[in-house]
Protein backbone atom coordinates (compact mmCIF):
# COMPACT_ATOMS: atom_id res chain seq x y z
CA MET A 1 -34.63 -4.98 -54.84
CA ALA A 2 -32.36 -7.87 -53.89
CA SER A 3 -31.91 -8.83 -50.26
CA PRO A 4 -28.64 -8.68 -48.32
CA LEU A 5 -26.06 -11.23 -49.36
CA ARG A 6 -26.82 -14.80 -48.31
CA PHE A 7 -25.60 -18.26 -49.20
CA ARG A 8 -27.55 -20.86 -51.14
CA ARG A 9 -27.00 -24.48 -50.13
CA SER A 10 -27.26 -27.32 -52.62
CA THR A 11 -27.25 -31.04 -51.83
CA GLU A 12 -26.78 -32.14 -55.43
CA ARG A 13 -23.56 -33.86 -56.45
CA TRP A 14 -21.19 -31.37 -58.07
CA THR A 15 -18.19 -31.84 -60.35
CA ASP A 16 -15.96 -29.50 -62.35
CA GLU A 17 -18.02 -30.25 -65.43
CA LYS A 18 -21.32 -29.48 -63.67
CA VAL A 19 -19.95 -26.20 -62.32
CA GLU A 20 -18.91 -25.08 -65.80
CA ARG A 21 -22.15 -26.25 -67.45
CA ASP A 22 -24.75 -25.15 -64.87
CA LEU A 23 -23.10 -22.10 -63.28
CA TYR A 24 -20.34 -20.64 -65.39
CA ALA A 25 -21.86 -21.11 -68.87
CA PRO A 26 -25.18 -19.27 -68.25
CA LEU A 27 -23.38 -16.42 -66.47
CA ASP A 28 -20.82 -16.15 -69.25
CA GLU A 29 -23.56 -16.06 -71.87
CA LYS A 30 -25.43 -13.26 -70.13
CA PHE A 31 -22.70 -11.11 -68.59
CA GLY A 32 -19.40 -12.30 -69.95
CA ALA A 33 -17.72 -14.23 -67.14
CA LYS A 34 -14.40 -15.76 -66.24
CA LEU A 35 -13.34 -18.42 -63.78
CA VAL A 36 -10.44 -17.12 -61.73
CA THR A 37 -8.33 -18.42 -58.88
CA PRO A 38 -9.73 -17.35 -55.48
CA HIS A 39 -7.60 -15.10 -53.28
CA TYR A 40 -7.39 -17.72 -50.55
CA VAL A 41 -7.19 -21.48 -50.28
CA GLY A 42 -10.62 -22.87 -49.49
CA PRO A 43 -11.65 -24.74 -46.35
CA SER A 44 -10.35 -28.26 -45.95
CA GLY A 45 -12.32 -30.82 -47.95
CA TYR A 46 -13.95 -28.31 -50.33
CA GLU A 47 -13.31 -27.45 -53.97
CA THR A 48 -13.61 -23.71 -54.58
CA ARG A 49 -14.39 -21.55 -57.60
CA ARG A 50 -14.60 -17.82 -58.15
CA ILE A 51 -16.61 -16.39 -61.05
CA GLU A 52 -16.19 -12.74 -62.01
CA MET A 53 -18.66 -11.09 -64.37
CA GLY A 54 -17.96 -8.38 -66.90
CA ASN A 55 -20.41 -6.03 -65.15
CA GLY A 56 -18.56 -6.26 -61.83
CA ASP A 57 -20.76 -8.96 -60.29
CA LEU A 58 -19.13 -11.78 -58.35
CA ALA A 59 -19.99 -15.34 -57.36
CA LEU A 60 -18.22 -17.79 -55.07
CA PHE A 61 -18.92 -21.50 -55.15
CA LEU A 62 -17.52 -24.38 -53.13
CA TRP A 63 -18.48 -28.00 -52.73
CA ASN A 64 -17.60 -31.38 -51.30
CA ASP A 65 -19.22 -34.81 -51.58
CA ASP A 66 -22.14 -33.83 -49.32
CA GLU A 67 -23.06 -30.22 -50.01
CA ALA A 68 -22.29 -27.08 -51.97
CA PHE A 69 -22.57 -23.38 -51.21
CA TRP A 70 -23.15 -20.48 -53.60
CA LEU A 71 -22.63 -16.82 -52.66
CA GLY A 72 -23.20 -14.22 -55.33
CA ASN A 73 -24.37 -10.68 -55.99
CA THR A 74 -25.30 -11.62 -59.53
CA GLU A 75 -28.17 -13.45 -61.20
CA THR A 76 -28.63 -16.86 -59.60
CA PRO A 77 -28.34 -19.70 -62.16
CA SER A 78 -31.59 -21.61 -62.57
CA THR A 79 -30.16 -24.85 -61.18
CA LEU A 80 -29.96 -23.14 -57.76
CA TRP A 81 -33.37 -21.44 -57.77
CA ARG A 82 -35.01 -23.95 -55.45
CA THR A 83 -32.22 -23.98 -52.87
CA GLU A 84 -32.60 -22.51 -49.39
CA LYS A 85 -30.84 -19.31 -48.33
CA TYR A 86 -28.61 -18.97 -45.25
CA THR A 87 -26.79 -16.15 -43.51
CA PHE A 88 -23.08 -16.22 -42.74
CA GLU A 89 -23.87 -17.41 -39.24
CA GLU A 90 -26.05 -20.31 -40.36
CA ILE A 91 -23.48 -22.25 -42.38
CA PRO A 92 -20.26 -24.06 -41.39
CA TYR A 93 -17.78 -21.61 -39.91
CA SER A 94 -14.96 -22.62 -42.24
CA VAL A 95 -17.11 -21.89 -45.29
CA ALA A 96 -18.24 -18.51 -43.99
CA ARG A 97 -14.70 -17.55 -42.98
CA TRP A 98 -13.30 -18.35 -46.43
CA ALA A 99 -16.03 -16.41 -48.23
CA GLN A 100 -15.66 -13.42 -45.96
CA ARG A 101 -11.90 -13.36 -46.47
CA GLU A 102 -12.51 -13.33 -50.22
CA LEU A 103 -14.91 -10.40 -49.98
CA LEU A 104 -12.75 -8.42 -47.58
CA ALA A 105 -9.80 -8.84 -49.95
CA ASP A 106 -11.97 -7.39 -52.72
CA LEU A 107 -12.98 -4.50 -50.49
CA ARG A 108 -9.32 -3.84 -49.71
CA THR A 109 -8.71 -3.43 -53.44
CA GLU A 110 -11.90 -1.57 -54.36
CA ASP A 111 -12.40 0.70 -51.33
CA PRO A 112 -9.35 0.59 -49.04
CA TRP A 113 -10.64 3.63 -47.12
CA LEU A 114 -13.52 1.44 -45.92
CA ALA A 115 -11.56 -1.80 -45.50
CA ASP A 116 -9.28 0.00 -43.03
CA TYR A 117 -12.14 -0.28 -40.52
CA GLY A 118 -12.01 -4.03 -40.16
CA HIS A 119 -14.87 -4.83 -37.81
CA LEU A 120 -17.25 -2.38 -39.47
CA SER A 121 -16.40 -3.81 -42.90
CA TRP A 122 -16.96 -7.35 -41.66
CA PHE A 123 -20.21 -6.41 -39.90
CA PHE A 124 -21.76 -4.76 -42.96
CA LEU A 125 -20.51 -7.27 -45.56
CA PRO A 126 -24.06 -8.54 -46.28
CA VAL A 127 -25.01 -5.10 -47.62
CA LEU A 128 -21.62 -3.85 -48.82
CA PHE A 129 -21.61 -6.72 -51.32
CA SER A 130 -25.35 -7.06 -51.92
CA LYS A 131 -26.58 -7.10 -55.51
CA ASP A 132 -28.46 -3.80 -55.41
CA GLY A 133 -26.94 -2.04 -52.43
CA ARG A 134 -23.22 -2.46 -52.80
CA HIS A 135 -22.68 0.94 -54.39
CA SER A 136 -25.23 2.94 -52.40
CA THR A 137 -24.06 1.71 -48.99
CA ARG A 138 -20.44 2.48 -49.73
CA THR A 139 -21.40 5.90 -51.08
CA PHE A 140 -23.37 6.63 -47.90
CA PHE A 141 -20.36 5.87 -45.72
CA ARG A 142 -17.98 7.82 -47.96
CA ASP A 143 -19.96 10.88 -49.07
CA HIS A 144 -22.43 11.28 -46.20
CA ALA A 145 -20.17 10.35 -43.25
CA ALA A 146 -22.74 7.81 -42.02
CA GLY A 147 -25.13 10.66 -41.24
CA PHE A 148 -22.83 12.97 -39.27
CA PRO A 149 -22.83 16.62 -40.43
CA ASP A 150 -19.56 18.53 -40.62
CA ALA A 151 -17.54 15.33 -40.27
CA THR A 152 -15.26 13.28 -42.50
CA SER A 153 -15.97 9.69 -43.43
CA ASP A 154 -12.91 8.68 -41.42
CA ASP A 155 -14.31 10.38 -38.33
CA ALA A 156 -17.67 8.63 -38.70
CA LEU A 157 -16.22 5.22 -39.51
CA ALA A 158 -13.85 5.40 -36.54
CA PHE A 159 -16.82 6.17 -34.26
CA TYR A 160 -18.80 3.11 -35.36
CA GLU A 161 -15.72 0.92 -35.64
CA ALA A 162 -14.91 1.57 -31.97
CA PHE A 163 -18.40 0.45 -31.00
CA LEU A 164 -18.75 -2.54 -33.31
CA ARG A 165 -15.33 -3.80 -32.24
CA THR A 166 -16.81 -4.46 -28.78
CA GLY A 167 -18.83 -7.28 -30.32
CA ALA A 168 -22.01 -6.05 -28.63
CA LEU A 169 -24.07 -6.64 -31.78
CA ASP A 170 -22.15 -9.52 -33.36
CA GLU A 171 -24.89 -11.98 -32.46
CA TYR A 172 -27.39 -9.82 -34.34
CA ARG A 173 -25.13 -8.92 -37.23
CA TYR A 174 -27.36 -9.83 -40.17
CA GLU A 175 -30.47 -8.33 -38.58
CA MET A 176 -28.75 -5.05 -37.77
CA ALA A 177 -26.60 -4.74 -40.91
CA SER A 178 -29.70 -5.25 -43.04
CA LYS A 179 -31.24 -2.09 -41.60
CA LEU A 180 -28.90 -0.06 -43.81
CA GLY A 181 -30.83 -1.45 -46.77
CA THR A 182 -29.99 -2.71 -50.25
CA SER A 183 -31.57 -0.03 -52.41
CA PRO A 184 -29.51 0.99 -55.45
CA GLN A 185 -30.31 4.62 -54.61
CA VAL A 186 -28.61 6.49 -51.79
CA ASP A 187 -31.25 7.65 -49.31
CA PRO A 188 -29.26 9.65 -46.73
CA VAL A 189 -32.28 10.27 -44.47
CA ARG A 190 -33.38 6.66 -44.22
CA MET A 191 -29.83 5.33 -43.95
CA ALA A 192 -28.89 7.86 -41.27
CA SER A 193 -31.97 6.80 -39.32
CA ALA A 194 -30.71 3.22 -39.44
CA MET A 195 -27.36 4.36 -38.06
CA SER A 196 -29.18 6.07 -35.18
CA GLU A 197 -29.99 2.60 -33.87
CA PHE A 198 -26.27 1.84 -33.79
CA THR A 199 -25.67 5.13 -31.97
CA ALA A 200 -28.33 4.25 -29.38
CA ALA A 201 -26.86 0.77 -28.97
CA LYS A 202 -23.44 2.34 -28.41
CA VAL A 203 -24.80 4.64 -25.69
CA LEU A 204 -26.49 1.73 -23.92
CA THR A 205 -23.40 -0.48 -24.23
CA ASP A 206 -21.11 2.28 -22.97
CA ALA A 207 -23.44 2.62 -19.98
CA GLY A 208 -22.94 -1.07 -19.17
CA TYR A 209 -26.11 -2.58 -20.63
CA ASP A 210 -26.42 -5.64 -22.84
CA VAL A 211 -28.64 -4.85 -25.80
CA THR A 212 -31.03 -7.13 -27.64
CA PRO A 213 -32.61 -5.68 -30.81
CA GLU A 214 -36.10 -6.02 -32.24
CA ILE A 215 -38.19 -6.85 -29.20
CA GLU A 216 -41.71 -7.92 -30.10
CA VAL A 217 -44.44 -6.49 -27.88
CA THR A 218 -48.05 -7.46 -27.39
CA THR A 219 -49.36 -4.96 -29.95
CA GLY A 220 -47.61 -6.88 -32.72
CA HIS A 221 -44.99 -4.15 -33.11
CA SER A 222 -41.30 -4.45 -32.40
CA LEU A 223 -39.34 -1.92 -30.35
CA ASP A 224 -35.71 -1.31 -31.15
CA PHE A 225 -33.93 -2.65 -28.05
CA ARG A 226 -34.14 -4.25 -24.66
CA ALA A 227 -31.41 -2.92 -22.33
CA GLU A 228 -30.35 -5.51 -19.77
CA PRO A 229 -28.28 -4.32 -16.78
CA PRO A 230 -25.23 -6.45 -15.96
CA GLY A 231 -26.45 -7.30 -12.47
CA GLY A 232 -29.95 -8.25 -13.52
CA GLY A 233 -33.15 -6.44 -12.66
CA GLU A 234 -35.39 -4.20 -14.73
CA SER A 235 -34.64 -4.35 -18.47
CA PRO A 236 -36.28 -1.32 -20.11
CA LEU A 237 -37.34 -1.26 -23.75
CA VAL A 238 -35.92 1.51 -25.92
CA GLU A 239 -37.31 2.99 -29.13
CA VAL A 240 -35.15 5.27 -31.29
CA THR A 241 -36.18 8.10 -33.59
CA ARG A 242 -34.09 10.61 -35.54
CA PRO A 243 -35.34 14.11 -36.38
CA ARG A 244 -34.42 15.54 -39.75
CA PRO A 245 -32.57 18.81 -39.20
CA PRO A 246 -34.58 21.94 -40.04
CA THR A 247 -32.40 22.56 -43.09
CA ARG A 248 -33.80 19.34 -44.58
CA ARG A 249 -37.46 19.33 -43.48
CA HIS A 250 -40.54 21.54 -43.29
CA ALA A 251 -39.99 22.40 -39.63
CA ASP A 252 -38.27 25.76 -39.57
CA THR A 253 -36.41 25.48 -36.26
CA PRO A 254 -34.39 22.74 -34.56
CA VAL A 255 -36.81 22.70 -31.63
CA ALA A 256 -39.80 22.23 -33.97
CA ALA A 257 -37.94 19.41 -35.75
CA VAL A 258 -37.44 17.57 -32.47
CA ARG A 259 -41.05 18.06 -31.38
CA GLU A 260 -42.56 17.00 -34.70
CA THR A 261 -40.49 13.84 -35.04
CA ALA A 262 -41.10 12.78 -31.46
CA GLU A 263 -44.83 13.44 -31.84
CA THR A 264 -44.97 11.18 -34.88
CA LYS A 265 -43.34 8.37 -32.95
CA THR A 266 -45.33 8.83 -29.74
CA SER A 267 -48.70 9.13 -31.50
CA GLY A 268 -48.06 5.93 -33.40
CA GLN A 269 -45.88 3.03 -32.32
CA LEU A 270 -45.33 4.05 -28.70
CA GLN A 271 -48.96 4.99 -28.15
CA LYS A 272 -50.06 1.57 -29.37
CA HIS A 273 -47.50 -0.05 -27.09
CA GLY A 274 -49.19 1.61 -24.14
CA GLY A 275 -46.23 3.28 -22.49
CA GLY A 276 -43.27 2.11 -20.47
CA ALA A 277 -40.64 2.28 -23.19
CA VAL A 278 -37.84 4.84 -23.18
CA LEU A 279 -37.74 7.09 -26.23
CA PHE A 280 -34.30 8.03 -27.59
CA VAL A 281 -34.44 11.10 -29.85
CA ASP A 282 -31.15 11.10 -31.73
CA CYS A 283 -30.13 14.55 -32.93
CA SER A 284 -26.73 13.44 -34.22
CA GLY A 285 -27.68 14.80 -37.64
CA PHE A 286 -27.92 18.35 -36.26
CA ARG A 287 -25.13 20.88 -36.77
CA GLU A 288 -23.58 22.47 -33.72
CA ASP A 289 -25.75 25.60 -33.90
CA GLU A 290 -28.92 23.54 -34.37
CA TRP A 291 -28.12 21.37 -31.38
CA ALA A 292 -27.27 24.44 -29.30
CA ALA A 293 -30.83 25.70 -29.85
CA VAL A 294 -32.29 22.37 -28.76
CA LYS A 295 -30.21 21.93 -25.63
CA GLY A 296 -30.82 25.56 -24.73
CA GLU A 297 -34.59 25.10 -24.71
CA LYS A 298 -34.79 21.36 -23.89
CA PRO A 299 -38.21 20.98 -25.51
CA GLU A 300 -40.74 18.41 -24.36
CA VAL A 301 -41.18 15.46 -26.69
CA ARG A 302 -44.70 14.32 -25.62
CA HIS A 303 -43.35 11.10 -24.16
CA ARG A 304 -41.77 10.23 -20.86
CA PRO A 305 -39.29 8.86 -20.14
CA ALA A 306 -37.21 10.23 -22.98
CA VAL A 307 -33.57 11.00 -23.75
CA VAL A 308 -32.75 13.62 -26.37
CA LEU A 309 -29.12 13.21 -27.41
CA ARG A 310 -26.48 14.21 -29.92
CA ALA A 311 -23.38 12.10 -30.56
CA ARG A 312 -20.23 13.33 -32.25
CA PRO A 313 -17.62 11.18 -34.00
CA SER A 314 -15.14 12.12 -31.27
CA GLY A 315 -17.18 9.91 -28.95
CA THR A 316 -18.79 12.74 -27.01
CA VAL A 317 -22.53 12.32 -26.43
CA GLU A 318 -24.54 15.21 -24.98
CA ALA A 319 -28.09 14.62 -23.78
CA TYR A 320 -30.98 15.82 -21.68
CA ARG A 321 -33.79 13.73 -20.22
CA LYS A 322 -37.49 14.08 -19.61
CA GLY A 323 -39.26 12.06 -16.95
CA SER A 324 -37.94 9.42 -14.57
CA LEU A 325 -35.41 7.45 -16.55
CA PRO A 326 -35.13 3.71 -15.75
CA LEU A 327 -31.62 3.70 -17.21
CA ASP A 328 -28.35 4.83 -15.69
CA LEU A 329 -26.56 6.56 -18.55
CA ASP A 330 -24.21 8.68 -16.45
CA GLY A 331 -21.14 6.86 -17.73
CA ALA A 332 -22.11 7.22 -21.37
CA VAL A 333 -23.47 10.76 -21.85
CA GLU A 334 -22.79 14.30 -20.68
CA TRP A 335 -26.04 15.71 -19.32
CA VAL A 336 -26.75 19.27 -20.41
């Protein structure tokens, strides 16, 4: 399985002839390729090339007298095998901006329904154009409404677009976008679980906290977030889990689904951590009737403090809590 899309940087000296011989020719021989004019003028001082393969793969290449950058979701030509890889944030801004404009223009043509959500499309570019995951990730957003039941893809995309547009996770874009994965197969359960982390980050951000993902703890594990209050002070750690609804798991009731999932998390990662973290149990994958059963009983989740919540694409988040919560979420959730 290929990783999310990253640049390769070369310090060799490149010319038109070298590009055609070492990049275009091997790709043309294997896939059938053509050199086409990029959508946009490249950054000042760089020559740019766009290579489109017969199987739908794409490669972008640009160079000046000092360096060259390759970005492709196709087989990497052997001349670039020993080059280092870099994320969009680790290369010159002008280079990243040009490449992203190229990809977003492609997305506008291929999947305009997704490109309409500009910040979300930009945020997830590393997986939306990855070699193995470009079809599965788009299918997940389109056919599975990003994990929301009884919702349209537009509803779901608008929900996450509104959050991502705040820029709260921009600094951690590659790390967070990569959670969606680059598998060629659509795995709605795993992918929806990844989106639960975005839902939790939205709740924390709406409540006024700054979020930092992937906090390493002394056990060698990482917990999902640190929530930092704007005025300073205690910054609790937050771990997120997502129960599978009873219609899609062995548990035969919504309450059992919540209990079983929370028990798995608390008897493993959180138990090793030794306590202190807040557990978010995200029931956003539950239908209305399933959630009604959970909020009616408010089952224990074998960990305190905990927040059991359900978000809807409208922006409404209902929740109940167990234990003394070191977070003030009153402005972000409706307690039930």
